[in-house]
N, C-alpha and C. Protein backbone atom coordinates (compact mmCIF):
# COMPACT_ATOMS: atom_id res chain seq x y z
N UNK A 1 67.25 98.86 69.47
CA UNK A 1 66.07 98.89 70.31
C UNK A 1 66.09 100.12 71.22
N UNK A 2 66.46 101.23 70.66
CA UNK A 2 66.47 102.47 71.42
C UNK A 2 65.05 102.85 71.83
N UNK A 3 64.82 103.15 73.10
CA UNK A 3 63.48 103.59 73.50
C UNK A 3 63.03 104.82 72.71
N UNK A 4 61.76 104.84 72.35
CA UNK A 4 61.23 105.98 71.58
C UNK A 4 61.40 107.27 72.37
N UNK A 5 61.64 108.34 71.64
CA UNK A 5 61.78 109.69 72.20
C UNK A 5 63.02 109.84 73.08
N UNK A 6 63.97 108.92 72.93
CA UNK A 6 65.23 109.07 73.66
C UNK A 6 65.98 110.30 73.16
N UNK A 7 66.73 110.92 74.05
CA UNK A 7 67.60 112.03 73.67
C UNK A 7 69.04 111.56 73.75
N UNK A 8 69.82 111.89 72.75
CA UNK A 8 71.24 111.53 72.69
C UNK A 8 72.08 112.79 72.88
N UNK A 9 72.98 112.74 73.86
CA UNK A 9 73.92 113.84 74.09
C UNK A 9 75.33 113.32 73.82
N UNK A 10 76.03 113.98 72.91
CA UNK A 10 77.43 113.65 72.63
C UNK A 10 78.28 114.81 73.10
N UNK A 11 79.18 114.52 74.05
CA UNK A 11 80.06 115.55 74.58
C UNK A 11 81.42 115.40 73.91
N UNK A 12 81.75 116.36 73.05
CA UNK A 12 82.98 116.30 72.24
C UNK A 12 84.14 116.83 73.06
N UNK A 13 85.08 115.95 73.41
CA UNK A 13 86.20 116.34 74.25
C UNK A 13 87.51 116.51 73.48
N UNK A 14 87.53 116.14 72.20
CA UNK A 14 88.80 116.11 71.46
C UNK A 14 88.74 116.91 70.17
N UNK A 15 87.90 117.92 70.12
CA UNK A 15 87.75 118.77 68.94
C UNK A 15 87.30 118.02 67.70
N UNK A 16 86.67 116.85 67.88
CA UNK A 16 86.06 116.15 66.76
C UNK A 16 84.70 116.78 66.48
N UNK A 17 84.17 116.51 65.29
CA UNK A 17 82.87 117.05 64.92
C UNK A 17 82.01 115.90 64.43
N UNK A 18 81.23 115.35 65.32
CA UNK A 18 80.40 114.20 65.00
C UNK A 18 79.30 114.59 64.02
N UNK A 19 79.13 113.77 62.99
CA UNK A 19 78.06 113.96 62.03
C UNK A 19 77.08 112.80 62.17
N UNK A 20 75.83 113.10 62.51
CA UNK A 20 74.81 112.07 62.64
C UNK A 20 73.85 112.16 61.45
N UNK A 21 73.72 111.05 60.74
CA UNK A 21 72.85 111.05 59.56
C UNK A 21 71.58 110.23 59.79
N UNK A 22 71.67 109.15 60.58
CA UNK A 22 70.52 108.30 60.84
C UNK A 22 70.28 108.27 62.35
N UNK A 23 69.31 109.02 62.81
CA UNK A 23 69.06 109.10 64.24
C UNK A 23 67.97 108.13 64.70
N UNK A 24 67.43 107.35 63.79
CA UNK A 24 66.49 106.30 64.15
C UNK A 24 65.31 106.84 64.95
N UNK A 25 65.09 106.25 66.13
CA UNK A 25 63.93 106.61 66.95
C UNK A 25 64.22 107.73 67.94
N UNK A 26 65.38 108.35 67.82
CA UNK A 26 65.72 109.41 68.76
C UNK A 26 64.73 110.57 68.67
N UNK A 27 64.35 111.05 69.84
CA UNK A 27 63.51 112.24 69.86
C UNK A 27 64.29 113.50 69.59
N UNK A 28 65.58 113.52 69.98
CA UNK A 28 66.44 114.68 69.77
C UNK A 28 67.88 114.27 70.02
N UNK A 29 68.80 114.99 69.42
CA UNK A 29 70.21 114.76 69.74
C UNK A 29 70.93 116.10 69.84
N UNK A 30 71.98 116.10 70.65
CA UNK A 30 72.73 117.32 70.93
C UNK A 30 74.22 116.99 70.90
N UNK A 31 74.98 117.81 70.21
CA UNK A 31 76.44 117.65 70.17
C UNK A 31 77.04 118.87 70.88
N UNK A 32 77.75 118.62 71.97
CA UNK A 32 78.14 119.69 72.89
C UNK A 32 79.66 119.71 73.02
N UNK A 33 80.32 120.80 72.64
CA UNK A 33 81.77 120.90 72.87
C UNK A 33 82.07 120.83 74.36
N UNK A 34 83.01 119.98 74.75
CA UNK A 34 83.29 119.79 76.19
C UNK A 34 84.77 119.55 76.40
N UNK A 35 85.59 120.32 75.73
CA UNK A 35 87.04 120.16 75.87
C UNK A 35 87.48 120.50 77.30
N UNK A 36 88.37 119.66 77.85
CA UNK A 36 88.89 119.94 79.18
C UNK A 36 89.79 121.17 79.16
N UNK A 37 89.89 121.85 80.28
CA UNK A 37 90.76 123.02 80.36
C UNK A 37 92.21 122.58 80.28
N UNK A 38 93.06 123.51 79.93
CA UNK A 38 94.48 123.23 79.76
C UNK A 38 95.08 122.63 81.03
N UNK A 39 95.78 121.52 80.86
CA UNK A 39 96.45 120.90 82.00
C UNK A 39 95.60 119.92 82.77
N UNK A 40 94.32 119.80 82.40
CA UNK A 40 93.42 118.86 83.08
C UNK A 40 92.92 117.83 82.08
N UNK A 41 92.74 116.61 82.56
CA UNK A 41 92.16 115.56 81.71
C UNK A 41 91.10 114.83 82.52
N UNK A 42 89.87 115.22 82.31
CA UNK A 42 88.77 114.67 83.10
C UNK A 42 88.14 113.43 82.51
N UNK A 43 88.58 113.03 81.29
CA UNK A 43 88.06 111.84 80.63
C UNK A 43 86.52 111.82 80.68
N UNK A 44 85.95 110.62 80.91
CA UNK A 44 84.49 110.52 80.89
C UNK A 44 83.84 111.27 82.05
N UNK A 45 84.59 111.45 83.16
CA UNK A 45 83.98 112.03 84.36
C UNK A 45 83.47 113.44 84.11
N UNK A 46 84.28 114.27 83.47
CA UNK A 46 83.85 115.65 83.28
C UNK A 46 82.66 115.72 82.33
N UNK A 47 82.59 114.81 81.35
CA UNK A 47 81.43 114.78 80.45
C UNK A 47 80.17 114.32 81.19
N UNK A 48 80.28 113.22 81.94
CA UNK A 48 79.13 112.73 82.69
C UNK A 48 78.60 113.80 83.65
N UNK A 49 79.54 114.45 84.34
CA UNK A 49 79.14 115.41 85.37
C UNK A 49 78.60 116.70 84.76
N UNK A 50 79.13 117.11 83.62
CA UNK A 50 78.54 118.27 82.93
C UNK A 50 77.08 117.97 82.58
N UNK A 51 76.85 116.76 82.10
CA UNK A 51 75.48 116.41 81.74
C UNK A 51 74.56 116.48 82.97
N UNK A 52 74.99 115.88 84.07
CA UNK A 52 74.15 115.88 85.27
C UNK A 52 73.92 117.31 85.77
N UNK A 53 74.97 118.11 85.80
CA UNK A 53 74.86 119.48 86.32
C UNK A 53 73.93 120.33 85.44
N UNK A 54 74.12 120.26 84.12
CA UNK A 54 73.38 121.16 83.25
C UNK A 54 71.99 120.64 82.89
N UNK A 55 71.77 119.35 83.03
CA UNK A 55 70.44 118.77 82.76
C UNK A 55 69.73 118.38 84.04
N UNK A 56 70.24 118.81 85.18
CA UNK A 56 69.75 118.32 86.47
C UNK A 56 68.23 118.43 86.60
N UNK A 57 67.65 119.50 86.14
CA UNK A 57 66.21 119.69 86.25
C UNK A 57 65.43 119.09 85.10
N UNK A 58 66.13 118.48 84.14
CA UNK A 58 65.47 117.94 82.94
C UNK A 58 66.00 116.55 82.59
N UNK A 59 66.42 115.81 83.61
CA UNK A 59 66.99 114.48 83.37
C UNK A 59 65.90 113.50 82.92
N UNK A 60 66.32 112.53 82.11
CA UNK A 60 65.41 111.44 81.73
C UNK A 60 65.12 110.57 82.95
N UNK A 61 64.07 109.75 82.85
CA UNK A 61 63.78 108.81 83.93
C UNK A 61 64.98 107.91 84.20
N UNK A 62 65.66 107.51 83.11
CA UNK A 62 66.89 106.73 83.20
C UNK A 62 67.90 107.31 82.23
N UNK A 63 69.12 107.50 82.70
CA UNK A 63 70.21 107.99 81.85
C UNK A 63 71.24 106.89 81.66
N UNK A 64 71.70 106.74 80.43
CA UNK A 64 72.74 105.76 80.09
C UNK A 64 74.02 106.53 79.82
N UNK A 65 75.06 106.25 80.58
CA UNK A 65 76.34 106.94 80.42
C UNK A 65 77.35 105.99 79.78
N UNK A 66 77.86 106.39 78.61
CA UNK A 66 78.80 105.57 77.85
C UNK A 66 80.02 106.39 77.48
N UNK A 67 81.16 105.71 77.37
CA UNK A 67 82.37 106.33 76.87
C UNK A 67 82.36 106.29 75.35
N UNK A 68 83.43 106.76 74.74
CA UNK A 68 83.48 106.83 73.28
C UNK A 68 83.68 105.47 72.63
N UNK A 69 84.13 104.48 73.41
CA UNK A 69 84.38 103.14 72.87
C UNK A 69 83.65 102.10 73.72
N UNK A 70 82.33 102.19 73.83
CA UNK A 70 81.61 101.35 74.80
C UNK A 70 81.78 99.86 74.56
N UNK A 71 81.91 99.48 73.30
CA UNK A 71 81.97 98.05 72.98
C UNK A 71 83.23 97.37 73.50
N UNK A 72 84.23 98.15 73.91
CA UNK A 72 85.44 97.56 74.48
C UNK A 72 85.23 97.06 75.90
N UNK A 73 84.12 97.45 76.50
CA UNK A 73 83.92 97.17 77.92
C UNK A 73 82.73 96.26 78.21
N UNK A 74 81.84 96.10 77.26
CA UNK A 74 80.68 95.22 77.52
C UNK A 74 80.31 94.45 76.27
N UNK A 75 79.48 93.42 76.46
CA UNK A 75 78.95 92.65 75.34
C UNK A 75 77.73 93.38 74.77
N UNK A 76 77.70 93.57 73.46
CA UNK A 76 76.59 94.29 72.84
C UNK A 76 75.26 93.60 73.13
N UNK A 77 75.25 92.28 73.25
CA UNK A 77 74.00 91.57 73.52
C UNK A 77 73.44 91.94 74.90
N UNK A 78 74.33 92.14 75.87
CA UNK A 78 73.86 92.54 77.20
C UNK A 78 73.23 93.94 77.14
N UNK A 79 73.90 94.85 76.46
CA UNK A 79 73.37 96.20 76.34
C UNK A 79 72.02 96.18 75.62
N UNK A 80 71.88 95.31 74.64
CA UNK A 80 70.62 95.20 73.90
C UNK A 80 69.49 94.76 74.83
N UNK A 81 69.77 93.85 75.76
CA UNK A 81 68.75 93.42 76.73
C UNK A 81 68.29 94.61 77.56
N UNK A 82 69.24 95.42 78.00
CA UNK A 82 68.90 96.60 78.80
C UNK A 82 68.04 97.57 77.99
N UNK A 83 68.42 97.83 76.75
CA UNK A 83 67.65 98.76 75.91
C UNK A 83 66.25 98.22 75.64
N UNK A 84 66.12 96.92 75.42
CA UNK A 84 64.81 96.32 75.20
C UNK A 84 63.91 96.52 76.44
N UNK A 85 64.49 96.32 77.62
CA UNK A 85 63.72 96.50 78.85
C UNK A 85 63.29 97.95 79.02
N UNK A 86 64.20 98.88 78.72
CA UNK A 86 63.85 100.30 78.79
C UNK A 86 62.75 100.65 77.79
N UNK A 87 62.88 100.15 76.56
CA UNK A 87 61.90 100.46 75.52
C UNK A 87 60.52 99.91 75.86
N UNK A 88 60.49 98.76 76.54
CA UNK A 88 59.22 98.13 76.90
C UNK A 88 58.61 98.72 78.17
N UNK A 89 59.32 99.63 78.82
CA UNK A 89 58.83 100.20 80.07
C UNK A 89 58.87 99.23 81.22
N UNK A 90 59.75 98.23 81.13
CA UNK A 90 59.83 97.19 82.16
C UNK A 90 61.15 97.24 82.93
N UNK A 91 61.79 98.38 82.88
CA UNK A 91 63.09 98.54 83.54
C UNK A 91 62.90 99.42 84.77
N UNK A 92 63.41 98.97 85.92
CA UNK A 92 63.22 99.75 87.15
C UNK A 92 64.41 99.65 88.10
N UNK A 93 65.61 99.42 87.55
CA UNK A 93 66.80 99.24 88.38
C UNK A 93 67.42 100.62 88.65
N UNK A 94 67.61 101.01 89.91
CA UNK A 94 68.15 102.35 90.18
C UNK A 94 69.54 102.59 89.61
N UNK A 95 70.41 101.56 89.70
CA UNK A 95 71.77 101.71 89.18
C UNK A 95 72.22 100.36 88.64
N UNK A 96 72.76 100.35 87.42
CA UNK A 96 73.24 99.11 86.81
C UNK A 96 74.52 99.39 86.05
N UNK A 97 75.61 98.74 86.44
CA UNK A 97 76.83 98.79 85.65
C UNK A 97 76.65 97.92 84.42
N UNK A 98 77.14 98.39 83.29
CA UNK A 98 76.97 97.67 82.03
C UNK A 98 78.18 96.82 81.67
N UNK A 99 79.28 96.97 82.37
CA UNK A 99 80.54 96.40 81.90
C UNK A 99 80.78 94.98 82.41
N UNK A 100 81.81 94.36 81.84
CA UNK A 100 82.04 92.93 82.07
C UNK A 100 83.04 92.64 83.18
N UNK A 101 83.96 93.55 83.44
CA UNK A 101 85.09 93.27 84.31
C UNK A 101 84.93 93.98 85.64
N UNK A 102 85.31 93.32 86.72
CA UNK A 102 85.23 93.91 88.06
C UNK A 102 86.60 94.32 88.56
N UNK A 103 86.63 95.38 89.34
CA UNK A 103 87.84 95.73 90.08
C UNK A 103 88.00 94.79 91.27
N UNK A 104 89.24 94.67 91.74
CA UNK A 104 89.47 93.99 93.00
C UNK A 104 88.97 94.85 94.16
N UNK A 105 88.94 94.26 95.33
CA UNK A 105 88.42 94.93 96.52
C UNK A 105 89.59 95.52 97.29
N UNK A 106 89.73 96.86 97.26
CA UNK A 106 90.87 97.51 97.90
C UNK A 106 90.41 98.79 98.60
N UNK A 107 90.87 99.00 99.81
CA UNK A 107 90.62 100.26 100.53
C UNK A 107 91.86 101.13 100.34
N UNK A 108 91.84 101.97 99.32
CA UNK A 108 93.01 102.75 98.95
C UNK A 108 92.91 104.17 99.51
N UNK A 109 94.07 104.74 99.81
CA UNK A 109 94.15 106.07 100.41
C UNK A 109 93.44 107.11 99.54
N UNK A 110 93.66 107.05 98.22
CA UNK A 110 93.06 108.03 97.32
C UNK A 110 91.54 107.91 97.31
N UNK A 111 91.02 106.70 97.26
CA UNK A 111 89.57 106.50 97.25
C UNK A 111 88.95 107.04 98.54
N UNK A 112 89.58 106.72 99.65
CA UNK A 112 89.06 107.18 100.94
C UNK A 112 89.08 108.71 101.00
N UNK A 113 90.17 109.30 100.51
CA UNK A 113 90.30 110.75 100.54
C UNK A 113 89.27 111.45 99.67
N UNK A 114 89.05 110.94 98.45
CA UNK A 114 88.05 111.54 97.56
C UNK A 114 86.66 111.36 98.16
N UNK A 115 86.38 110.21 98.76
CA UNK A 115 85.09 109.99 99.41
C UNK A 115 84.87 111.01 100.53
N UNK A 116 85.91 111.27 101.31
CA UNK A 116 85.77 112.26 102.40
C UNK A 116 85.48 113.65 101.83
N UNK A 117 86.11 114.00 100.71
CA UNK A 117 85.85 115.31 100.11
C UNK A 117 84.40 115.44 99.65
N UNK A 118 83.83 114.35 99.18
CA UNK A 118 82.46 114.39 98.69
C UNK A 118 81.43 114.34 99.80
N UNK A 119 81.73 113.57 100.85
CA UNK A 119 80.72 113.27 101.86
C UNK A 119 81.09 113.85 103.23
N UNK A 120 81.48 115.11 103.22
CA UNK A 120 81.66 115.89 104.45
C UNK A 120 82.53 115.18 105.48
N UNK A 121 83.64 114.60 104.99
CA UNK A 121 84.61 113.98 105.88
C UNK A 121 84.32 112.55 106.26
N UNK A 122 83.22 111.96 105.77
CA UNK A 122 82.87 110.58 106.12
C UNK A 122 83.74 109.59 105.36
N UNK A 123 84.16 108.54 106.05
CA UNK A 123 84.95 107.48 105.43
C UNK A 123 84.05 106.43 104.79
N UNK A 124 84.60 105.75 103.80
CA UNK A 124 83.94 104.57 103.28
C UNK A 124 83.77 103.54 104.40
N UNK A 125 82.65 102.86 104.40
CA UNK A 125 82.40 101.84 105.43
C UNK A 125 82.96 100.48 105.05
N UNK A 126 83.32 100.31 103.78
CA UNK A 126 83.84 99.04 103.28
C UNK A 126 84.66 99.35 102.04
N UNK A 127 85.60 98.48 101.71
CA UNK A 127 86.37 98.67 100.48
C UNK A 127 85.46 98.49 99.27
N UNK A 128 85.49 99.42 98.32
CA UNK A 128 84.62 99.28 97.16
C UNK A 128 85.12 98.21 96.19
N UNK A 129 84.16 97.55 95.53
CA UNK A 129 84.49 96.55 94.50
C UNK A 129 83.44 96.62 93.40
N UNK A 130 83.55 97.63 92.54
CA UNK A 130 82.57 97.80 91.46
C UNK A 130 83.03 97.11 90.18
N UNK A 131 82.14 97.08 89.20
CA UNK A 131 82.55 96.77 87.83
C UNK A 131 83.35 97.95 87.32
N UNK A 132 84.32 97.67 86.51
CA UNK A 132 85.26 98.71 86.09
C UNK A 132 84.69 99.59 84.98
N UNK A 133 85.39 100.67 84.77
CA UNK A 133 85.38 101.44 83.52
C UNK A 133 84.14 102.29 83.28
N UNK A 134 83.32 102.50 84.31
CA UNK A 134 82.35 103.60 84.36
C UNK A 134 81.44 103.71 83.14
N UNK A 135 80.65 102.67 82.91
CA UNK A 135 79.53 102.76 81.97
C UNK A 135 78.32 102.16 82.68
N UNK A 136 77.24 102.92 82.75
CA UNK A 136 76.14 102.48 83.60
C UNK A 136 74.83 103.15 83.21
N UNK A 137 73.75 102.58 83.73
CA UNK A 137 72.41 103.17 83.65
C UNK A 137 72.02 103.59 85.06
N UNK A 138 71.52 104.81 85.18
CA UNK A 138 71.15 105.30 86.51
C UNK A 138 69.81 106.02 86.44
N UNK A 139 68.98 105.78 87.43
CA UNK A 139 67.65 106.40 87.48
C UNK A 139 67.75 107.86 87.91
N UNK A 140 66.82 108.66 87.41
CA UNK A 140 66.73 110.05 87.84
C UNK A 140 66.63 110.14 89.36
N UNK A 141 65.86 109.24 89.96
CA UNK A 141 65.68 109.27 91.41
C UNK A 141 67.00 109.04 92.15
N UNK A 142 67.89 108.21 91.58
CA UNK A 142 69.19 107.97 92.21
C UNK A 142 70.09 109.19 92.09
N UNK A 143 70.03 109.87 90.96
CA UNK A 143 70.81 111.11 90.79
C UNK A 143 70.30 112.17 91.76
N UNK A 144 68.99 112.26 91.90
CA UNK A 144 68.41 113.31 92.74
C UNK A 144 68.52 113.02 94.22
N UNK A 145 69.17 111.92 94.59
CA UNK A 145 69.53 111.73 96.00
C UNK A 145 70.47 112.83 96.47
N UNK A 146 71.18 113.46 95.52
CA UNK A 146 72.12 114.53 95.84
C UNK A 146 71.69 115.80 95.11
N UNK A 147 72.12 116.93 95.63
CA UNK A 147 71.78 118.21 95.02
C UNK A 147 72.65 118.47 93.79
N UNK A 148 72.21 119.44 93.01
CA UNK A 148 73.03 119.88 91.86
C UNK A 148 74.39 120.38 92.34
N UNK A 149 74.42 121.06 93.47
CA UNK A 149 75.69 121.56 94.01
C UNK A 149 76.67 120.42 94.32
N UNK A 150 76.14 119.29 94.77
CA UNK A 150 76.99 118.12 95.03
C UNK A 150 77.72 117.71 93.75
N UNK A 151 77.00 117.64 92.63
CA UNK A 151 77.61 117.22 91.38
C UNK A 151 78.50 118.32 90.80
N UNK A 152 78.18 119.56 91.06
CA UNK A 152 79.09 120.63 90.67
C UNK A 152 80.42 120.50 91.39
N UNK A 153 80.37 120.13 92.66
CA UNK A 153 81.61 119.90 93.41
C UNK A 153 82.40 118.74 92.80
N UNK A 154 81.70 117.68 92.43
CA UNK A 154 82.37 116.56 91.77
C UNK A 154 83.04 117.02 90.47
N UNK A 155 82.34 117.84 89.71
CA UNK A 155 82.90 118.34 88.45
C UNK A 155 84.15 119.17 88.71
N UNK A 156 84.13 119.97 89.73
CA UNK A 156 85.31 120.79 90.06
C UNK A 156 86.49 119.91 90.46
N UNK A 157 86.21 118.80 91.13
CA UNK A 157 87.28 117.86 91.46
C UNK A 157 87.80 117.15 90.22
N UNK A 158 86.90 116.83 89.29
CA UNK A 158 87.30 116.09 88.09
C UNK A 158 88.05 116.95 87.09
N UNK A 159 87.66 118.23 86.97
CA UNK A 159 88.28 119.06 85.93
C UNK A 159 89.49 119.85 86.43
N UNK A 160 89.87 119.61 87.70
CA UNK A 160 91.08 120.25 88.22
C UNK A 160 90.85 121.59 88.87
N UNK A 161 89.59 122.09 88.87
CA UNK A 161 89.30 123.36 89.53
C UNK A 161 89.64 123.28 91.01
N UNK A 162 89.33 122.13 91.61
CA UNK A 162 89.67 121.88 93.00
C UNK A 162 90.66 120.72 93.05
N UNK A 163 91.78 120.92 93.72
CA UNK A 163 92.84 119.91 93.72
C UNK A 163 92.54 118.76 94.67
N UNK A 164 93.05 117.58 94.30
CA UNK A 164 93.00 116.42 95.21
C UNK A 164 94.42 115.93 95.52
N UNK A 165 95.41 116.79 95.27
CA UNK A 165 96.79 116.35 95.47
C UNK A 165 97.05 115.99 96.93
N UNK A 166 96.26 116.52 97.85
CA UNK A 166 96.47 116.22 99.26
C UNK A 166 96.07 114.79 99.60
N UNK A 167 95.19 114.18 98.78
CA UNK A 167 94.76 112.81 99.06
C UNK A 167 95.13 111.83 97.96
N UNK A 168 95.43 112.31 96.77
CA UNK A 168 95.83 111.45 95.64
C UNK A 168 97.17 111.97 95.11
N UNK A 169 98.24 111.43 95.64
CA UNK A 169 99.55 112.01 95.36
C UNK A 169 100.17 111.52 94.06
N UNK A 170 99.89 110.28 93.67
CA UNK A 170 100.54 109.71 92.49
C UNK A 170 100.01 110.36 91.22
N UNK A 171 100.85 110.39 90.21
CA UNK A 171 100.47 110.97 88.92
C UNK A 171 100.39 109.87 87.87
N UNK A 172 99.37 109.95 87.05
CA UNK A 172 99.23 109.03 85.93
C UNK A 172 100.10 109.53 84.79
N UNK A 173 100.99 108.70 84.20
CA UNK A 173 101.88 109.18 83.15
C UNK A 173 101.15 109.68 81.90
N UNK A 174 99.88 109.29 81.72
CA UNK A 174 99.12 109.74 80.56
C UNK A 174 98.27 110.97 80.88
N UNK A 175 98.44 111.51 82.08
CA UNK A 175 97.79 112.76 82.41
C UNK A 175 96.37 112.66 82.89
N UNK A 176 95.87 111.45 83.13
CA UNK A 176 94.49 111.31 83.57
C UNK A 176 94.31 111.81 85.00
N UNK A 177 93.14 112.35 85.25
CA UNK A 177 92.83 112.88 86.57
C UNK A 177 92.76 111.76 87.60
N UNK A 178 93.52 111.86 88.70
CA UNK A 178 93.38 110.84 89.74
C UNK A 178 91.98 110.82 90.33
N UNK A 179 91.31 111.98 90.30
CA UNK A 179 89.93 112.02 90.80
C UNK A 179 89.02 111.17 89.93
N UNK A 180 89.18 111.28 88.62
CA UNK A 180 88.33 110.49 87.73
C UNK A 180 88.61 109.00 87.90
N UNK A 181 89.87 108.63 88.08
CA UNK A 181 90.21 107.23 88.35
C UNK A 181 89.55 106.77 89.64
N UNK A 182 89.49 107.66 90.64
CA UNK A 182 88.83 107.31 91.90
C UNK A 182 87.31 107.21 91.72
N UNK A 183 86.73 108.14 90.95
CA UNK A 183 85.29 108.10 90.72
C UNK A 183 84.86 106.77 90.10
N UNK A 184 85.73 106.19 89.28
CA UNK A 184 85.40 104.90 88.67
C UNK A 184 85.05 103.86 89.72
N UNK A 185 85.64 103.98 90.91
CA UNK A 185 85.38 103.06 92.03
C UNK A 185 84.21 103.53 92.90
N UNK A 186 83.70 104.74 92.63
CA UNK A 186 82.74 105.34 93.57
C UNK A 186 81.37 105.69 92.97
N UNK A 187 81.22 105.62 91.65
CA UNK A 187 79.93 106.01 91.05
C UNK A 187 78.78 105.25 91.71
N UNK A 188 78.96 103.94 91.89
CA UNK A 188 77.84 103.15 92.43
C UNK A 188 77.51 103.56 93.87
N UNK A 189 78.53 103.95 94.63
CA UNK A 189 78.30 104.42 96.00
C UNK A 189 77.54 105.75 95.98
N UNK A 190 77.95 106.64 95.09
CA UNK A 190 77.30 107.94 94.96
C UNK A 190 75.81 107.77 94.65
N UNK A 191 75.47 106.74 93.87
CA UNK A 191 74.09 106.53 93.47
C UNK A 191 73.35 105.51 94.35
N UNK A 192 73.87 105.31 95.56
CA UNK A 192 73.10 104.60 96.57
C UNK A 192 73.37 103.13 96.74
N UNK A 193 74.37 102.58 96.04
CA UNK A 193 74.71 101.17 96.18
C UNK A 193 75.72 101.00 97.32
N UNK A 194 75.79 99.82 97.93
CA UNK A 194 76.84 99.58 98.94
C UNK A 194 78.21 99.54 98.28
N UNK A 195 79.27 99.80 99.03
CA UNK A 195 80.62 99.81 98.43
C UNK A 195 80.95 98.51 97.69
N UNK A 196 80.58 97.37 98.26
CA UNK A 196 80.80 96.09 97.59
C UNK A 196 79.45 95.45 97.32
N UNK A 197 78.86 95.74 96.16
CA UNK A 197 77.53 95.21 95.87
C UNK A 197 77.53 93.75 95.46
N UNK A 198 78.72 93.18 95.23
CA UNK A 198 78.79 91.80 94.78
C UNK A 198 78.61 91.68 93.28
N UNK A 199 78.74 90.47 92.80
CA UNK A 199 78.62 90.22 91.36
C UNK A 199 77.16 90.31 90.92
N UNK A 200 76.96 90.74 89.69
CA UNK A 200 75.61 90.84 89.12
C UNK A 200 74.88 89.50 89.20
N UNK A 201 75.61 88.42 88.93
CA UNK A 201 74.98 87.10 88.87
C UNK A 201 74.40 86.67 90.21
N UNK A 202 74.85 87.31 91.30
CA UNK A 202 74.36 86.96 92.64
C UNK A 202 73.35 87.96 93.19
N UNK A 203 72.98 88.95 92.38
CA UNK A 203 72.10 90.02 92.84
C UNK A 203 70.64 89.61 92.66
N UNK A 204 70.01 89.21 93.76
CA UNK A 204 68.62 88.75 93.70
C UNK A 204 67.64 89.89 93.38
N UNK A 205 68.11 91.12 93.50
CA UNK A 205 67.24 92.26 93.19
C UNK A 205 67.15 92.57 91.71
N UNK A 206 68.02 91.96 90.89
CA UNK A 206 68.00 92.19 89.46
C UNK A 206 67.07 91.20 88.76
N UNK A 207 66.39 91.64 87.70
CA UNK A 207 65.70 90.66 86.85
C UNK A 207 66.70 89.62 86.35
N UNK A 208 66.22 88.40 86.17
CA UNK A 208 67.12 87.30 85.81
C UNK A 208 67.93 87.63 84.55
N UNK A 209 67.30 88.25 83.57
CA UNK A 209 67.99 88.53 82.30
C UNK A 209 69.17 89.48 82.47
N UNK A 210 69.15 90.29 83.55
CA UNK A 210 70.22 91.26 83.76
C UNK A 210 71.32 90.74 84.68
N UNK A 211 71.20 89.49 85.12
CA UNK A 211 72.24 88.90 85.98
C UNK A 211 73.36 88.24 85.19
N UNK A 212 73.27 88.31 83.90
CA UNK A 212 74.24 87.65 83.02
C UNK A 212 75.63 88.26 83.20
N UNK A 213 76.60 87.39 83.51
CA UNK A 213 78.00 87.82 83.52
C UNK A 213 78.57 87.65 82.11
N UNK A 214 79.34 88.62 81.68
CA UNK A 214 79.76 88.68 80.29
C UNK A 214 81.13 88.04 80.04
N UNK A 215 81.65 87.30 81.01
CA UNK A 215 82.89 86.56 80.78
C UNK A 215 82.61 85.42 79.82
N UNK A 216 83.66 84.80 79.29
CA UNK A 216 83.51 83.79 78.25
C UNK A 216 82.65 82.62 78.70
N UNK A 217 82.73 82.26 79.99
CA UNK A 217 81.95 81.13 80.50
C UNK A 217 80.67 81.58 81.20
N UNK A 218 80.54 82.89 81.46
CA UNK A 218 79.35 83.40 82.10
C UNK A 218 79.21 83.03 83.56
N UNK A 219 80.27 82.48 84.17
CA UNK A 219 80.16 82.00 85.54
C UNK A 219 80.40 83.08 86.57
N UNK A 220 81.16 84.09 86.23
CA UNK A 220 81.48 85.17 87.15
C UNK A 220 82.25 86.23 86.42
N UNK A 221 82.32 87.43 86.98
CA UNK A 221 83.01 88.52 86.28
C UNK A 221 84.51 88.31 86.25
N UNK A 222 85.13 88.80 85.18
CA UNK A 222 86.58 88.85 85.12
C UNK A 222 87.04 89.92 86.09
N UNK A 223 88.29 89.81 86.54
CA UNK A 223 88.84 90.77 87.50
C UNK A 223 89.90 91.63 86.84
N UNK A 224 89.95 92.89 87.24
CA UNK A 224 90.88 93.85 86.67
C UNK A 224 91.77 94.41 87.77
N UNK A 225 93.04 94.58 87.45
CA UNK A 225 93.96 95.17 88.41
C UNK A 225 93.64 96.66 88.60
N UNK A 226 93.77 97.12 89.82
CA UNK A 226 93.56 98.53 90.13
C UNK A 226 94.63 99.38 89.45
N UNK A 227 94.24 100.56 88.98
CA UNK A 227 95.17 101.44 88.26
C UNK A 227 96.33 101.81 89.19
N UNK A 228 97.57 101.73 88.68
CA UNK A 228 98.74 102.03 89.51
C UNK A 228 98.72 103.42 90.15
N UNK A 229 98.10 104.40 89.47
CA UNK A 229 98.06 105.76 90.03
C UNK A 229 97.25 105.80 91.32
N UNK A 230 96.33 104.86 91.51
CA UNK A 230 95.60 104.78 92.76
C UNK A 230 96.33 103.90 93.77
N UNK A 231 96.93 102.82 93.29
CA UNK A 231 97.66 101.93 94.19
C UNK A 231 98.81 102.65 94.87
N UNK A 232 99.44 103.59 94.15
CA UNK A 232 100.63 104.25 94.66
C UNK A 232 100.32 105.54 95.42
N UNK A 233 99.06 105.88 95.55
CA UNK A 233 98.70 107.13 96.25
C UNK A 233 98.93 106.99 97.75
């Protein structure tokens, strides 16, 4: 149920060469080499931010940001509901996390430090508690709350151009950027949500169909432990 005239951007980070044969209702698709620089691993963050920076003046009304393995993080049926709403022109949520699992609520040194770097020294007002793993739908208007230069700064933090070692001291053994791990806790704040927005099922501002929790019983989100590289910072 892809909305008509949607554009698909695939950011190739691992020297793969995606071949698309059936593009369905897509208006256009683009495959963009986006390998991280030597010694840096920006994961999804550098791809998301490259898209925002380079498409800033030509963003869709709503952008869907997904990793390479989206089905590991959300129920396909939930994503289908979102796509149906978008296709019908009945979607108006500024920011929506698509994933099933929530982080715990922690005020960590690294998160606070990265937030200060982004927001001119301002501290978080509350410990963030988002859904994990950074897959979401965001409105153009929410992205445009900040300038292109703001997102360029984020990209420089994610790709290692600007260091965060002064605020994120721990190292991930798999080489992932501590900044990107921190952004996972901050995307919703960047796009105008409160640090602890609460569970989807309790959000009276969402259409009822989008309040579905994707845990096995649907009663509330599953909880995920915070990444050790942030806990130890």
